[in-house]
C-alpha cells in the first residue's frame, strides 16, 4: 500500500531536465582534459592545472536547467543548477494548467569566408506551458523528433492538451 501511495505522489510531478552544454562538448572537454592532465602530470610539474581542468569538466557535466510542475501543490519550479546546487530558482503558483503550446521559428543566416558564402536555414521548435493567462517557456530544440516526444510526455503527465501553432 505504501508503494502505491509513493507512486501516486511521484506521478503528480512532471519534470523536464536539460543539460546546458551539449553531449559533444562535454565529452570533448572531458577527454581533452584527461589527455592534457596526463601529459601535465607525467611530463611537467604543473599538476595543479589538472585539478582545474577536471573541475571545468565536472561543471560542464553538472550544469543543467530543471523545470518541475508539482500538481499536488499547484507549483511551477524553474531552476538552474551548477555542481548540483540550485543557483537560480523561480517559483510560480497556478490555479489551472491550460496547454503546452508548440511554436516554430525559422532562422536563416549567411556565413562568409574568403572563398565563398554559405547560407544556413533551420527551424527552432519552442515549447511553452500556458497557465492562468500566463506562460513560461519549457524548452527550445532544433530536432523536432526529440522535442515532440518530450512535449508529448509532459502533456500526458500533466494531463493537458498540446496546441500546435504551425
Protein backbone atom coordinates (compact mmCIF):
# COMPACT_ATOMS: atom_id res chain seq x y z
CA UNK A 1 0.00 0.00 0.00
CA UNK A 2 2.85 2.39 0.83
CA UNK A 3 4.49 1.87 -2.60
CA UNK A 4 1.21 2.64 -4.36
CA UNK A 5 0.88 5.91 -2.41
CA UNK A 6 4.50 6.85 -3.25
CA UNK A 7 3.86 6.16 -6.95
CA UNK A 8 0.72 8.33 -6.92
CA UNK A 9 2.59 11.22 -5.27
CA UNK A 10 5.52 10.86 -7.71
CA UNK A 11 3.11 10.83 -10.66
CA UNK A 12 1.76 14.22 -9.56
CA UNK A 13 5.06 15.82 -10.63
CA UNK A 14 6.35 16.35 -14.11
CA UNK A 15 9.99 17.22 -14.63
CA UNK A 16 11.92 18.47 -17.65
CA UNK A 17 15.69 18.26 -17.26
CA UNK A 18 18.04 19.69 -19.88
CA UNK A 19 21.79 19.90 -19.69
CA UNK A 20 23.22 23.32 -20.51
CA UNK A 21 26.14 22.03 -22.58
CA UNK A 22 25.82 19.61 -25.49
CA UNK A 23 26.93 15.98 -25.15
CA UNK A 24 29.59 16.50 -27.81
CA UNK A 25 31.07 19.48 -25.97
CA UNK A 26 31.02 17.72 -22.58
CA UNK A 27 32.77 14.59 -23.83
CA UNK A 28 35.29 16.54 -25.92
CA UNK A 29 36.12 18.63 -22.86
CA UNK A 30 36.39 15.56 -20.60
CA UNK A 31 38.60 13.57 -22.99
CA UNK A 32 40.74 16.61 -23.80
CA UNK A 33 41.14 17.38 -20.08
CA UNK A 34 42.15 13.78 -19.36
CA UNK A 35 44.79 13.81 -22.11
CA UNK A 36 46.20 17.19 -21.12
CA UNK A 37 46.11 16.27 -17.42
CA UNK A 38 48.00 13.03 -18.06
CA UNK A 39 50.65 14.91 -20.05
CA UNK A 40 50.99 17.60 -17.37
CA UNK A 41 51.32 15.06 -14.55
CA UNK A 42 53.84 12.84 -16.39
CA UNK A 43 55.97 15.42 -18.24
CA UNK A 44 55.75 18.64 -16.22
CA UNK A 45 55.33 19.85 -12.69
CA UNK A 46 52.05 21.61 -13.37
CA UNK A 47 49.70 19.04 -11.86
CA UNK A 48 47.58 21.83 -10.31
CA UNK A 49 46.32 22.68 -13.80
CA UNK A 50 44.91 19.14 -13.97
CA UNK A 51 42.70 19.87 -10.98
CA UNK A 52 41.40 22.99 -12.73
CA UNK A 53 40.68 21.03 -15.94
CA UNK A 54 38.86 18.30 -14.02
CA UNK A 55 36.78 20.93 -12.20
CA UNK A 56 35.82 22.55 -15.51
CA UNK A 57 34.74 19.13 -16.84
CA UNK A 58 32.65 18.41 -13.74
CA UNK A 59 30.99 21.83 -14.06
CA UNK A 60 30.16 21.12 -17.71
CA UNK A 61 28.61 17.74 -16.83
CA UNK A 62 26.59 19.06 -13.88
CA UNK A 63 25.20 22.32 -15.28
CA UNK A 64 21.55 21.92 -16.17
CA UNK A 65 18.15 23.53 -16.40
CA UNK A 66 15.40 21.91 -14.33
CA UNK A 67 11.71 22.61 -14.82
CA UNK A 68 9.23 20.94 -12.49
CA UNK A 69 5.45 21.11 -12.17
CA UNK A 70 4.10 19.87 -8.84
CA UNK A 71 0.38 19.30 -9.37
CA UNK A 72 -0.33 18.46 -5.71
CA UNK A 73 0.93 21.89 -4.57
CA UNK A 74 -0.03 23.72 -7.81
CA UNK A 75 3.53 24.97 -8.09
CA UNK A 76 5.86 25.51 -11.05
CA UNK A 77 9.58 25.49 -10.22
CA UNK A 78 12.05 26.82 -12.80
CA UNK A 79 15.69 26.42 -11.72
CA UNK A 80 19.28 26.38 -12.94
CA UNK A 81 21.93 24.15 -11.35
CA UNK A 82 25.72 24.22 -11.31
CA UNK A 83 27.60 21.46 -9.47
CA UNK A 84 24.20 20.06 -8.40
CA UNK A 85 23.49 23.29 -6.47
CA UNK A 86 20.46 25.37 -7.46
CA UNK A 87 21.82 28.83 -8.21
CA UNK A 88 18.70 30.45 -9.59
CA UNK A 89 15.16 29.34 -8.81
CA UNK A 90 11.85 30.91 -9.74
CA UNK A 91 8.56 29.61 -8.33
CA UNK A 92 5.08 30.27 -9.70
CA UNK A 93 1.74 29.32 -8.19
CA UNK A 94 -1.03 28.39 -10.62
CA UNK A 95 -4.72 27.55 -10.49
CA UNK A 96 -5.14 25.81 -13.84
CA UNK A 97 -2.77 24.47 -16.49
CA UNK A 98 -4.19 25.27 -19.93
CA UNK A 99 -1.95 23.56 -22.51
CA UNK A 100 1.52 23.14 -23.91
CA UNK A 101 1.89 25.41 -26.96
CA UNK A 102 4.33 24.38 -29.69
CA UNK A 103 5.78 27.14 -31.87
CA UNK A 104 8.25 27.10 -34.73
CA UNK A 105 10.75 29.82 -35.63
CA UNK A 106 12.65 29.79 -38.89
CA UNK A 107 16.25 31.01 -38.71
CA UNK A 108 18.48 31.87 -41.64
CA UNK A 109 21.94 33.36 -41.76
CA UNK A 110 24.82 33.71 -44.18
CA UNK A 111 28.36 32.72 -43.29
CA UNK A 112 31.05 34.38 -45.39
CA UNK A 113 34.57 33.15 -45.83
CA UNK A 114 37.32 34.22 -48.22
CA UNK A 115 36.43 31.51 -50.70
CA UNK A 116 32.62 31.54 -50.68
CA UNK A 117 29.42 32.36 -48.87
CA UNK A 118 27.08 29.73 -47.50
CA UNK A 119 23.56 30.15 -46.21
CA UNK A 120 22.21 28.11 -43.33
CA UNK A 121 18.50 27.62 -42.74
CA UNK A 122 16.98 25.76 -39.81
CA UNK A 123 13.85 25.65 -37.68
CA UNK A 124 13.80 26.00 -33.93
CA UNK A 125 10.89 24.47 -32.03
CA UNK A 126 9.70 26.13 -28.82
CA UNK A 127 7.55 24.53 -26.12
CA UNK A 128 5.61 26.86 -23.80
CA UNK A 129 3.44 25.95 -20.83
CA UNK A 130 0.32 28.12 -20.64
CA UNK A 131 -1.40 28.54 -17.29
CA UNK A 132 -3.85 31.07 -15.76
CA UNK A 133 -3.43 33.61 -18.58
CA UNK A 134 0.38 33.46 -18.27
CA UNK A 135 3.02 31.33 -19.91
CA UNK A 136 6.54 30.08 -19.32
CA UNK A 137 8.97 28.63 -21.85
CA UNK A 138 9.80 24.97 -21.36
CA UNK A 139 12.42 24.26 -23.99
CA UNK A 140 13.85 25.10 -27.40
CA UNK A 141 15.24 22.48 -29.76
CA UNK A 142 16.31 22.12 -33.37
CA UNK A 143 15.44 18.42 -33.60
CA UNK A 144 11.66 18.11 -33.93
CA UNK A 145 11.51 14.38 -33.13
CA UNK A 146 13.18 14.69 -29.71
CA UNK A 147 11.24 17.87 -28.99
CA UNK A 148 7.86 16.35 -29.87
CA UNK A 149 8.47 13.23 -27.74
CA UNK A 150 9.42 15.30 -24.71
CA UNK A 151 6.40 17.59 -25.07
CA UNK A 152 4.04 14.59 -25.51
CA UNK A 153 5.46 13.04 -22.33
CA UNK A 154 4.98 16.23 -20.32
CA UNK A 155 1.46 16.81 -21.68
CA UNK A 156 0.48 13.24 -20.74
CA UNK A 157 1.93 13.59 -17.22
CA UNK A 158 0.21 16.96 -16.71
CA UNK A 159 -2.99 15.72 -18.40
CA UNK A 160 -3.28 18.79 -20.65
CA UNK A 161 -3.58 19.15 -24.43
CA UNK A 162 -0.89 20.19 -26.90
CA UNK A 163 -1.66 23.19 -29.10
CA UNK A 164 0.45 23.43 -32.29
CA UNK A 165 0.75 26.83 -33.94
CA UNK A 166 2.45 25.56 -37.10
